[in-house]
Amino acid sequence: MLPAWLVAAALAAGTLFNAGWTWARARRGKPALELVPLASILPRWREELPAAAFLSLVAGVSEELFFRLVLPVLFALVGGGALAGFVVGTAAFALLHRYQGWRGMLATALVGIVLAVLYLASGQLWVAMAAHAAIDLNALVVRPLAGGRLRRGWTRQAAAAFPPASNQED
């Protein structure tokens, strides 16, 4: 069994490294390295960070429940076997991230394998959930914050650009 404290320590170390590396690149005027195209879901404004954090947590929990638990169990129940269920779950996980392009799908497939191994090695689904949430928090919250490229004042500008809809019926 893989000790949970070891997973937690690795996640914390990875987060600190990620934040430090992104911060150092930003200080030198270099953009954060983007291995996977995530521009469509990255926060642009500081006020979007709580939503990005919530998205990260929800994805970590719900995607792990579905791709690492439900799909493998269902596949095993219909006679496909547990290992085949994990393969199908990981493939589906990658395919449903196609909005990230082929590099994103490849990276997601590799991460899916790591998350499945974490789940199987620890025997606890919450370990994979925590790792998934940490990965997403790093991408959607830590890196934008450490990179210092988030704009302020979203509320004022958004209110001007998107006035409230009228409730009057025509």
N, C-alpha and C. Protein backbone atom coordinates (compact mmCIF):
# COMPACT_ATOMS: atom_id res chain seq x y z
N MET A 1 0.84 -1.19 0.00
CA MET A 1 0.00 0.00 0.00
C MET A 1 0.88 1.25 0.00
N LEU A 2 0.44 2.22 -0.76
CA LEU A 2 1.13 3.50 -0.85
C LEU A 2 0.63 4.40 0.27
N PRO A 3 1.52 4.90 1.13
CA PRO A 3 1.05 5.74 2.24
C PRO A 3 0.51 7.08 1.75
N ALA A 4 -0.61 7.48 2.30
CA ALA A 4 -1.26 8.73 1.90
C ALA A 4 -0.36 9.94 2.19
N TRP A 5 0.41 9.88 3.27
CA TRP A 5 1.28 11.01 3.60
C TRP A 5 2.33 11.23 2.50
N LEU A 6 2.77 10.16 1.87
CA LEU A 6 3.75 10.27 0.79
C LEU A 6 3.13 10.96 -0.42
N VAL A 7 1.90 10.60 -0.74
CA VAL A 7 1.19 11.25 -1.85
C VAL A 7 1.00 12.73 -1.53
N ALA A 8 0.57 13.03 -0.31
CA ALA A 8 0.36 14.43 0.09
C ALA A 8 1.66 15.22 0.02
N ALA A 9 2.75 14.64 0.46
CA ALA A 9 4.05 15.33 0.41
C ALA A 9 4.48 15.57 -1.04
N ALA A 10 4.27 14.59 -1.90
CA ALA A 10 4.63 14.75 -3.31
C ALA A 10 3.78 15.84 -3.97
N LEU A 11 2.49 15.88 -3.66
CA LEU A 11 1.62 16.92 -4.21
C LEU A 11 2.03 18.30 -3.73
N ALA A 12 2.34 18.41 -2.46
CA ALA A 12 2.78 19.70 -1.90
C ALA A 12 4.09 20.14 -2.54
N ALA A 13 5.04 19.22 -2.67
CA ALA A 13 6.33 19.56 -3.29
C ALA A 13 6.14 19.98 -4.75
N GLY A 14 5.29 19.26 -5.46
CA GLY A 14 5.02 19.61 -6.86
C GLY A 14 4.38 20.97 -6.99
N THR A 15 3.46 21.29 -6.09
CA THR A 15 2.80 22.60 -6.11
C THR A 15 3.79 23.72 -5.84
N LEU A 16 4.65 23.54 -4.84
CA LEU A 16 5.66 24.57 -4.54
C LEU A 16 6.63 24.75 -5.70
N PHE A 17 7.06 23.65 -6.29
CA PHE A 17 7.96 23.74 -7.44
C PHE A 17 7.28 24.46 -8.59
N ASN A 18 6.05 24.09 -8.88
CA ASN A 18 5.29 24.69 -9.96
C ASN A 18 5.13 26.20 -9.76
N ALA A 19 4.75 26.60 -8.55
CA ALA A 19 4.57 28.02 -8.25
C ALA A 19 5.89 28.77 -8.37
N GLY A 20 6.95 28.22 -7.82
CA GLY A 20 8.26 28.87 -7.88
C GLY A 20 8.79 29.00 -9.29
N TRP A 21 8.63 27.97 -10.08
CA TRP A 21 9.11 27.98 -11.46
C TRP A 21 8.33 29.00 -12.29
N THR A 22 7.00 29.00 -12.13
CA THR A 22 6.16 29.95 -12.86
C THR A 22 6.47 31.37 -12.44
N TRP A 23 6.65 31.60 -11.15
CA TRP A 23 6.97 32.94 -10.63
C TRP A 23 8.31 33.41 -11.18
N ALA A 24 9.32 32.52 -11.17
CA ALA A 24 10.65 32.90 -11.67
C ALA A 24 10.60 33.24 -13.16
N ARG A 25 9.86 32.48 -13.94
CA ARG A 25 9.73 32.78 -15.38
C ARG A 25 9.04 34.13 -15.57
N ALA A 26 8.00 34.39 -14.79
CA ALA A 26 7.28 35.66 -14.91
C ALA A 26 8.18 36.84 -14.55
N ARG A 27 9.03 36.67 -13.55
CA ARG A 27 9.96 37.76 -13.17
C ARG A 27 10.95 38.08 -14.27
N ARG A 28 11.28 37.06 -15.08
CA ARG A 28 12.20 37.28 -16.21
C ARG A 28 11.45 37.70 -17.47
N GLY A 29 10.12 37.91 -17.35
CA GLY A 29 9.33 38.34 -18.48
C GLY A 29 8.94 37.23 -19.44
N LYS A 30 9.13 35.99 -19.01
CA LYS A 30 8.79 34.85 -19.86
C LYS A 30 7.42 34.31 -19.46
N PRO A 31 6.64 33.87 -20.43
CA PRO A 31 5.34 33.28 -20.08
C PRO A 31 5.51 31.91 -19.45
N ALA A 32 4.50 31.48 -18.73
CA ALA A 32 4.52 30.13 -18.17
C ALA A 32 4.52 29.14 -19.31
N LEU A 33 5.26 28.06 -19.15
CA LEU A 33 5.27 27.03 -20.18
C LEU A 33 3.91 26.37 -20.22
N GLU A 34 3.38 26.22 -21.41
CA GLU A 34 2.07 25.60 -21.57
C GLU A 34 2.25 24.32 -22.37
N LEU A 35 2.29 23.21 -21.66
CA LEU A 35 2.45 21.92 -22.32
C LEU A 35 1.14 21.47 -22.95
N VAL A 36 0.04 21.87 -22.33
CA VAL A 36 -1.29 21.50 -22.80
C VAL A 36 -2.07 22.80 -22.98
N PRO A 37 -2.71 22.98 -24.14
CA PRO A 37 -3.47 24.23 -24.35
C PRO A 37 -4.72 24.30 -23.47
N LEU A 38 -4.69 25.19 -22.51
CA LEU A 38 -5.81 25.33 -21.57
C LEU A 38 -6.42 26.73 -21.61
N ALA A 39 -6.06 27.52 -22.61
CA ALA A 39 -6.49 28.92 -22.64
C ALA A 39 -7.99 29.08 -22.50
N SER A 40 -8.75 28.13 -23.02
CA SER A 40 -10.20 28.27 -22.98
C SER A 40 -10.78 28.16 -21.57
N ILE A 41 -10.05 27.58 -20.63
CA ILE A 41 -10.59 27.44 -19.28
C ILE A 41 -9.76 28.16 -18.22
N LEU A 42 -8.68 28.82 -18.63
CA LEU A 42 -7.86 29.54 -17.65
C LEU A 42 -8.54 30.83 -17.21
N PRO A 43 -8.44 31.16 -15.94
CA PRO A 43 -9.00 32.44 -15.49
C PRO A 43 -8.19 33.60 -16.08
N ARG A 44 -8.89 34.66 -16.44
CA ARG A 44 -8.23 35.86 -16.96
C ARG A 44 -8.23 36.98 -15.93
N TRP A 45 -9.15 36.88 -14.99
CA TRP A 45 -9.34 37.92 -13.98
C TRP A 45 -9.18 37.29 -12.60
N ARG A 46 -8.70 38.08 -11.65
CA ARG A 46 -8.55 37.58 -10.28
C ARG A 46 -9.89 37.10 -9.71
N GLU A 47 -10.95 37.77 -10.10
CA GLU A 47 -12.26 37.40 -9.59
C GLU A 47 -12.73 36.03 -10.09
N GLU A 48 -12.10 35.50 -11.11
CA GLU A 48 -12.46 34.17 -11.62
C GLU A 48 -11.74 33.04 -10.89
N LEU A 49 -10.80 33.36 -10.02
CA LEU A 49 -10.04 32.32 -9.32
C LEU A 49 -10.91 31.41 -8.44
N PRO A 50 -11.88 31.95 -7.69
CA PRO A 50 -12.72 31.02 -6.91
C PRO A 50 -13.46 30.02 -7.80
N ALA A 51 -13.94 30.46 -8.94
CA ALA A 51 -14.63 29.54 -9.86
C ALA A 51 -13.64 28.50 -10.40
N ALA A 52 -12.42 28.92 -10.71
CA ALA A 52 -11.41 27.98 -11.20
C ALA A 52 -11.05 26.96 -10.11
N ALA A 53 -10.96 27.42 -8.87
CA ALA A 53 -10.67 26.50 -7.76
C ALA A 53 -11.82 25.51 -7.57
N PHE A 54 -13.05 26.01 -7.65
CA PHE A 54 -14.22 25.14 -7.52
C PHE A 54 -14.25 24.11 -8.66
N LEU A 55 -13.99 24.56 -9.87
CA LEU A 55 -13.94 23.65 -11.02
C LEU A 55 -12.89 22.56 -10.79
N SER A 56 -11.74 22.93 -10.28
CA SER A 56 -10.67 21.97 -10.01
C SER A 56 -11.10 20.91 -9.01
N LEU A 57 -11.74 21.34 -7.94
CA LEU A 57 -12.19 20.40 -6.91
C LEU A 57 -13.30 19.49 -7.42
N VAL A 58 -14.25 20.06 -8.13
CA VAL A 58 -15.36 19.27 -8.65
C VAL A 58 -14.86 18.26 -9.68
N ALA A 59 -13.95 18.69 -10.56
CA ALA A 59 -13.40 17.77 -11.56
C ALA A 59 -12.62 16.66 -10.88
N GLY A 60 -11.84 16.99 -9.86
CA GLY A 60 -11.06 15.98 -9.16
C GLY A 60 -11.92 14.90 -8.54
N VAL A 61 -13.04 15.31 -7.96
CA VAL A 61 -13.92 14.34 -7.30
C VAL A 61 -14.77 13.60 -8.33
N SER A 62 -15.48 14.34 -9.17
CA SER A 62 -16.44 13.70 -10.07
C SER A 62 -15.78 12.86 -11.15
N GLU A 63 -14.69 13.35 -11.74
CA GLU A 63 -14.02 12.58 -12.79
C GLU A 63 -13.39 11.31 -12.24
N GLU A 64 -12.85 11.38 -11.04
CA GLU A 64 -12.28 10.16 -10.45
C GLU A 64 -13.37 9.16 -10.10
N LEU A 65 -14.49 9.64 -9.57
CA LEU A 65 -15.60 8.73 -9.29
C LEU A 65 -16.04 8.01 -10.56
N PHE A 66 -16.15 8.75 -11.65
CA PHE A 66 -16.65 8.15 -12.88
C PHE A 66 -15.60 7.30 -13.59
N PHE A 67 -14.42 7.87 -13.86
CA PHE A 67 -13.43 7.20 -14.70
C PHE A 67 -12.61 6.14 -13.96
N ARG A 68 -12.43 6.27 -12.65
CA ARG A 68 -11.62 5.30 -11.91
C ARG A 68 -12.47 4.34 -11.09
N LEU A 69 -13.77 4.63 -10.92
CA LEU A 69 -14.61 3.73 -10.13
C LEU A 69 -15.79 3.19 -10.94
N VAL A 70 -16.67 4.08 -11.40
CA VAL A 70 -17.90 3.64 -12.06
C VAL A 70 -17.61 2.86 -13.34
N LEU A 71 -16.84 3.45 -14.26
CA LEU A 71 -16.57 2.75 -15.52
C LEU A 71 -15.87 1.40 -15.33
N PRO A 72 -14.79 1.33 -14.54
CA PRO A 72 -14.18 0.01 -14.34
C PRO A 72 -15.11 -1.02 -13.71
N VAL A 73 -15.93 -0.59 -12.73
CA VAL A 73 -16.85 -1.53 -12.09
C VAL A 73 -17.91 -1.99 -13.09
N LEU A 74 -18.48 -1.05 -13.83
CA LEU A 74 -19.49 -1.42 -14.83
C LEU A 74 -18.91 -2.37 -15.88
N PHE A 75 -17.71 -2.05 -16.34
CA PHE A 75 -17.08 -2.90 -17.35
C PHE A 75 -16.80 -4.29 -16.79
N ALA A 76 -16.35 -4.36 -15.55
CA ALA A 76 -16.10 -5.66 -14.92
C ALA A 76 -17.40 -6.43 -14.73
N LEU A 77 -18.49 -5.74 -14.39
CA LEU A 77 -19.78 -6.40 -14.17
C LEU A 77 -20.35 -7.03 -15.44
N VAL A 78 -20.05 -6.43 -16.59
CA VAL A 78 -20.57 -6.99 -17.84
C VAL A 78 -19.61 -8.03 -18.42
N GLY A 79 -18.58 -8.36 -17.68
CA GLY A 79 -17.68 -9.44 -18.08
C GLY A 79 -16.40 -9.03 -18.73
N GLY A 80 -16.11 -7.74 -18.75
CA GLY A 80 -14.89 -7.27 -19.41
C GLY A 80 -13.65 -7.37 -18.54
N GLY A 81 -13.81 -7.51 -17.25
CA GLY A 81 -12.67 -7.58 -16.34
C GLY A 81 -12.28 -6.20 -15.82
N ALA A 82 -11.71 -6.19 -14.63
CA ALA A 82 -11.35 -4.93 -13.98
C ALA A 82 -10.24 -4.19 -14.72
N LEU A 83 -9.19 -4.90 -15.15
CA LEU A 83 -8.09 -4.24 -15.85
C LEU A 83 -8.58 -3.60 -17.14
N ALA A 84 -9.40 -4.31 -17.89
CA ALA A 84 -9.97 -3.74 -19.12
C ALA A 84 -10.83 -2.53 -18.79
N GLY A 85 -11.51 -2.57 -17.65
CA GLY A 85 -12.31 -1.43 -17.22
C GLY A 85 -11.47 -0.20 -16.96
N PHE A 86 -10.30 -0.39 -16.37
CA PHE A 86 -9.40 0.74 -16.14
C PHE A 86 -8.85 1.28 -17.46
N VAL A 87 -8.58 0.40 -18.40
CA VAL A 87 -8.11 0.83 -19.72
C VAL A 87 -9.20 1.64 -20.42
N VAL A 88 -10.43 1.14 -20.40
CA VAL A 88 -11.55 1.85 -21.02
C VAL A 88 -11.78 3.19 -20.32
N GLY A 89 -11.72 3.20 -18.99
CA GLY A 89 -11.90 4.44 -18.23
C GLY A 89 -10.84 5.47 -18.56
N THR A 90 -9.61 5.03 -18.69
CA THR A 90 -8.51 5.96 -19.01
C THR A 90 -8.64 6.47 -20.44
N ALA A 91 -9.02 5.60 -21.36
CA ALA A 91 -9.21 6.02 -22.75
C ALA A 91 -10.35 7.03 -22.86
N ALA A 92 -11.45 6.77 -22.16
CA ALA A 92 -12.58 7.70 -22.17
C ALA A 92 -12.19 9.04 -21.54
N PHE A 93 -11.41 8.98 -20.47
CA PHE A 93 -10.91 10.19 -19.80
C PHE A 93 -10.11 11.04 -20.79
N ALA A 94 -9.24 10.40 -21.56
CA ALA A 94 -8.43 11.12 -22.55
C ALA A 94 -9.30 11.67 -23.67
N LEU A 95 -10.20 10.87 -24.19
CA LEU A 95 -11.04 11.30 -25.31
C LEU A 95 -11.94 12.48 -24.94
N LEU A 96 -12.41 12.50 -23.71
CA LEU A 96 -13.29 13.59 -23.30
C LEU A 96 -12.52 14.89 -23.00
N HIS A 97 -11.21 14.84 -23.10
CA HIS A 97 -10.39 16.05 -22.99
C HIS A 97 -9.88 16.48 -24.36
N ARG A 98 -10.60 16.14 -25.41
CA ARG A 98 -10.15 16.44 -26.78
C ARG A 98 -10.11 17.93 -27.06
N TYR A 99 -10.81 18.74 -26.27
CA TYR A 99 -10.74 20.19 -26.45
C TYR A 99 -9.32 20.71 -26.22
N GLN A 100 -8.45 19.89 -25.60
CA GLN A 100 -7.06 20.27 -25.37
C GLN A 100 -6.15 19.87 -26.52
N GLY A 101 -6.70 19.31 -27.58
CA GLY A 101 -5.88 18.88 -28.71
C GLY A 101 -5.20 17.55 -28.43
N TRP A 102 -4.43 17.08 -29.41
CA TRP A 102 -3.80 15.75 -29.27
C TRP A 102 -2.80 15.71 -28.14
N ARG A 103 -2.06 16.82 -27.92
CA ARG A 103 -1.10 16.83 -26.80
C ARG A 103 -1.82 16.74 -25.47
N GLY A 104 -2.94 17.44 -25.36
CA GLY A 104 -3.72 17.39 -24.14
C GLY A 104 -4.31 16.02 -23.90
N MET A 105 -4.77 15.38 -24.97
CA MET A 105 -5.32 14.03 -24.83
C MET A 105 -4.24 13.04 -24.42
N LEU A 106 -3.05 13.18 -25.00
CA LEU A 106 -1.94 12.30 -24.62
C LEU A 106 -1.56 12.53 -23.15
N ALA A 107 -1.42 13.80 -22.78
CA ALA A 107 -1.07 14.12 -21.39
C ALA A 107 -2.15 13.62 -20.44
N THR A 108 -3.41 13.79 -20.82
CA THR A 108 -4.51 13.35 -19.98
C THR A 108 -4.52 11.83 -19.84
N ALA A 109 -4.21 11.13 -20.92
CA ALA A 109 -4.13 9.67 -20.85
C ALA A 109 -3.03 9.24 -19.87
N LEU A 110 -1.87 9.90 -19.95
CA LEU A 110 -0.77 9.56 -19.04
C LEU A 110 -1.14 9.87 -17.59
N VAL A 111 -1.77 11.02 -17.38
CA VAL A 111 -2.22 11.38 -16.04
C VAL A 111 -3.27 10.40 -15.56
N GLY A 112 -4.16 9.97 -16.45
CA GLY A 112 -5.17 8.98 -16.10
C GLY A 112 -4.55 7.67 -15.64
N ILE A 113 -3.47 7.27 -16.30
CA ILE A 113 -2.76 6.05 -15.89
C ILE A 113 -2.17 6.23 -14.49
N VAL A 114 -1.54 7.39 -14.28
CA VAL A 114 -0.95 7.66 -12.96
C VAL A 114 -2.04 7.68 -11.89
N LEU A 115 -3.18 8.30 -12.17
CA LEU A 115 -4.26 8.35 -11.18
C LEU A 115 -4.82 6.96 -10.90
N ALA A 116 -4.93 6.13 -11.93
CA ALA A 116 -5.39 4.75 -11.72
C ALA A 116 -4.40 3.98 -10.86
N VAL A 117 -3.10 4.16 -11.12
CA VAL A 117 -2.07 3.49 -10.32
C VAL A 117 -2.12 3.99 -8.87
N LEU A 118 -2.29 5.31 -8.68
CA LEU A 118 -2.41 5.85 -7.32
C LEU A 118 -3.59 5.22 -6.59
N TYR A 119 -4.71 5.11 -7.28
CA TYR A 119 -5.91 4.50 -6.68
C TYR A 119 -5.64 3.05 -6.31
N LEU A 120 -5.09 2.30 -7.25
CA LEU A 120 -4.86 0.88 -7.00
C LEU A 120 -3.76 0.66 -5.96
N ALA A 121 -2.71 1.48 -5.99
CA ALA A 121 -1.60 1.31 -5.05
C ALA A 121 -1.99 1.70 -3.63
N SER A 122 -2.85 2.71 -3.51
CA SER A 122 -3.25 3.15 -2.17
C SER A 122 -4.48 2.40 -1.67
N GLY A 123 -5.29 1.91 -2.60
CA GLY A 123 -6.53 1.27 -2.21
C GLY A 123 -7.61 2.25 -1.79
N GLN A 124 -7.35 3.53 -1.99
CA GLN A 124 -8.26 4.59 -1.57
C GLN A 124 -8.54 5.53 -2.75
N LEU A 125 -9.79 5.66 -3.14
CA LEU A 125 -10.14 6.54 -4.26
C LEU A 125 -9.86 8.00 -3.94
N TRP A 126 -9.97 8.38 -2.67
CA TRP A 126 -9.75 9.78 -2.31
C TRP A 126 -8.32 10.23 -2.62
N VAL A 127 -7.37 9.31 -2.64
CA VAL A 127 -5.98 9.67 -2.96
C VAL A 127 -5.91 10.13 -4.42
N ALA A 128 -6.56 9.39 -5.32
CA ALA A 128 -6.60 9.80 -6.72
C ALA A 128 -7.38 11.10 -6.88
N MET A 129 -8.46 11.25 -6.12
CA MET A 129 -9.24 12.49 -6.17
C MET A 129 -8.39 13.69 -5.75
N ALA A 130 -7.65 13.53 -4.66
CA ALA A 130 -6.81 14.62 -4.17
C ALA A 130 -5.71 14.95 -5.17
N ALA A 131 -5.11 13.93 -5.77
CA ALA A 131 -4.07 14.18 -6.77
C ALA A 131 -4.65 14.89 -7.99
N HIS A 132 -5.81 14.45 -8.45
CA HIS A 132 -6.46 15.07 -9.60
C HIS A 132 -6.79 16.53 -9.30
N ALA A 133 -7.38 16.78 -8.14
CA ALA A 133 -7.72 18.16 -7.76
C ALA A 133 -6.46 19.01 -7.66
N ALA A 134 -5.38 18.45 -7.11
CA ALA A 134 -4.12 19.21 -7.00
C ALA A 134 -3.55 19.54 -8.38
N ILE A 135 -3.61 18.60 -9.29
CA ILE A 135 -3.13 18.85 -10.65
C ILE A 135 -3.93 20.00 -11.28
N ASP A 136 -5.25 19.93 -11.15
CA ASP A 136 -6.09 20.97 -11.74
C ASP A 136 -5.90 22.32 -11.04
N LEU A 137 -5.77 22.29 -9.71
CA LEU A 137 -5.52 23.54 -8.98
C LEU A 137 -4.19 24.18 -9.40
N ASN A 138 -3.19 23.34 -9.64
CA ASN A 138 -1.91 23.86 -10.11
C ASN A 138 -2.07 24.55 -11.46
N ALA A 139 -2.80 23.92 -12.36
CA ALA A 139 -2.95 24.48 -13.71
C ALA A 139 -3.86 25.70 -13.74
N LEU A 140 -4.94 25.68 -12.97
CA LEU A 140 -5.95 26.72 -13.09
C LEU A 140 -5.88 27.83 -12.05
N VAL A 141 -5.15 27.61 -10.95
CA VAL A 141 -5.09 28.62 -9.90
C VAL A 141 -3.64 29.02 -9.59
N VAL A 142 -2.79 28.03 -9.27
CA VAL A 142 -1.42 28.34 -8.83
C VAL A 142 -0.63 29.02 -9.95
N ARG A 143 -0.62 28.44 -11.13
CA ARG A 143 0.17 29.03 -12.23
C ARG A 143 -0.32 30.41 -12.63
N PRO A 144 -1.63 30.64 -12.80
CA PRO A 144 -2.06 32.01 -13.12
C PRO A 144 -1.70 33.01 -12.02
N LEU A 145 -1.82 32.60 -10.76
CA LEU A 145 -1.44 33.50 -9.67
C LEU A 145 0.06 33.76 -9.65
N ALA A 146 0.84 32.70 -9.75
CA ALA A 146 2.30 32.84 -9.70
C ALA A 146 2.83 33.59 -10.91
N GLY A 147 2.16 33.46 -12.03
CA GLY A 147 2.60 34.15 -13.25
C GLY A 147 2.31 35.64 -13.24
N GLY A 148 1.42 36.07 -12.34
CA GLY A 148 1.14 37.50 -12.19
C GLY A 148 0.48 38.12 -13.41
N ARG A 149 -0.23 37.35 -14.21
CA ARG A 149 -0.83 37.90 -15.42
C ARG A 149 -2.36 38.04 -15.33
N LEU A 150 -2.90 37.89 -14.15
CA LEU A 150 -4.34 38.04 -13.98
C LEU A 150 -4.68 39.52 -13.86
N ARG A 151 -5.73 39.93 -14.54
CA ARG A 151 -6.15 41.33 -14.48
C ARG A 151 -7.12 41.52 -13.32
N ARG A 152 -7.24 42.76 -12.91
CA ARG A 152 -8.17 43.10 -11.83
C ARG A 152 -9.34 43.89 -12.42
N GLY A 153 -10.39 43.97 -11.66
CA GLY A 153 -11.51 44.82 -12.05
C GLY A 153 -12.50 44.16 -12.97
N TRP A 154 -12.55 42.83 -12.98
CA TRP A 154 -13.47 42.12 -13.85
C TRP A 154 -14.90 42.57 -13.63
N THR A 155 -15.29 42.77 -12.40
CA THR A 155 -16.67 43.08 -12.08
C THR A 155 -17.12 44.36 -12.76
N ARG A 156 -16.33 45.41 -12.68
CA ARG A 156 -16.70 46.68 -13.30
C ARG A 156 -16.74 46.56 -14.81
N GLN A 157 -15.72 45.95 -15.41
CA GLN A 157 -15.67 45.84 -16.87
C GLN A 157 -16.73 44.88 -17.39
N ALA A 158 -16.97 43.80 -16.68
CA ALA A 158 -17.98 42.85 -17.12
C ALA A 158 -19.37 43.47 -17.02
N ALA A 159 -19.61 44.24 -15.98
CA ALA A 159 -20.91 44.89 -15.82
C ALA A 159 -21.16 45.86 -16.97
N ALA A 160 -20.11 46.54 -17.42
CA ALA A 160 -20.25 47.46 -18.55
C ALA A 160 -20.45 46.70 -19.86
N ALA A 161 -19.74 45.60 -20.02
CA ALA A 161 -19.81 44.85 -21.27
C ALA A 161 -21.06 44.00 -21.36
N PHE A 162 -21.55 43.53 -20.21
CA PHE A 162 -22.71 42.64 -20.18
C PHE A 162 -23.77 43.19 -19.22
N PRO A 163 -24.53 44.17 -19.67
CA PRO A 163 -25.56 44.72 -18.77
C PRO A 163 -26.61 43.66 -18.48
N PRO A 164 -27.27 43.77 -17.32
CA PRO A 164 -28.27 42.77 -16.96
C PRO A 164 -29.40 42.76 -18.00
N ALA A 165 -29.91 41.57 -18.25
CA ALA A 165 -31.02 41.43 -19.21
C ALA A 165 -32.28 42.03 -18.60
N SER A 166 -33.09 42.54 -19.46
CA SER A 166 -34.36 43.11 -19.02
C SER A 166 -35.33 41.98 -18.71
N ASN A 167 -36.10 42.15 -17.64
CA ASN A 167 -37.08 41.15 -17.27
C ASN A 167 -38.45 41.45 -17.89
N GLN A 168 -38.51 42.48 -18.70
CA GLN A 168 -39.78 42.85 -19.31
C GLN A 168 -40.09 41.92 -20.47
N GLU A 169 -41.34 41.52 -20.55
CA GLU A 169 -41.75 40.69 -21.67
C GLU A 169 -42.18 41.58 -22.81
N ASP A 170 -41.87 41.17 -24.03
CA ASP A 170 -42.26 41.95 -25.21
C ASP A 170 -43.67 41.67 -25.64
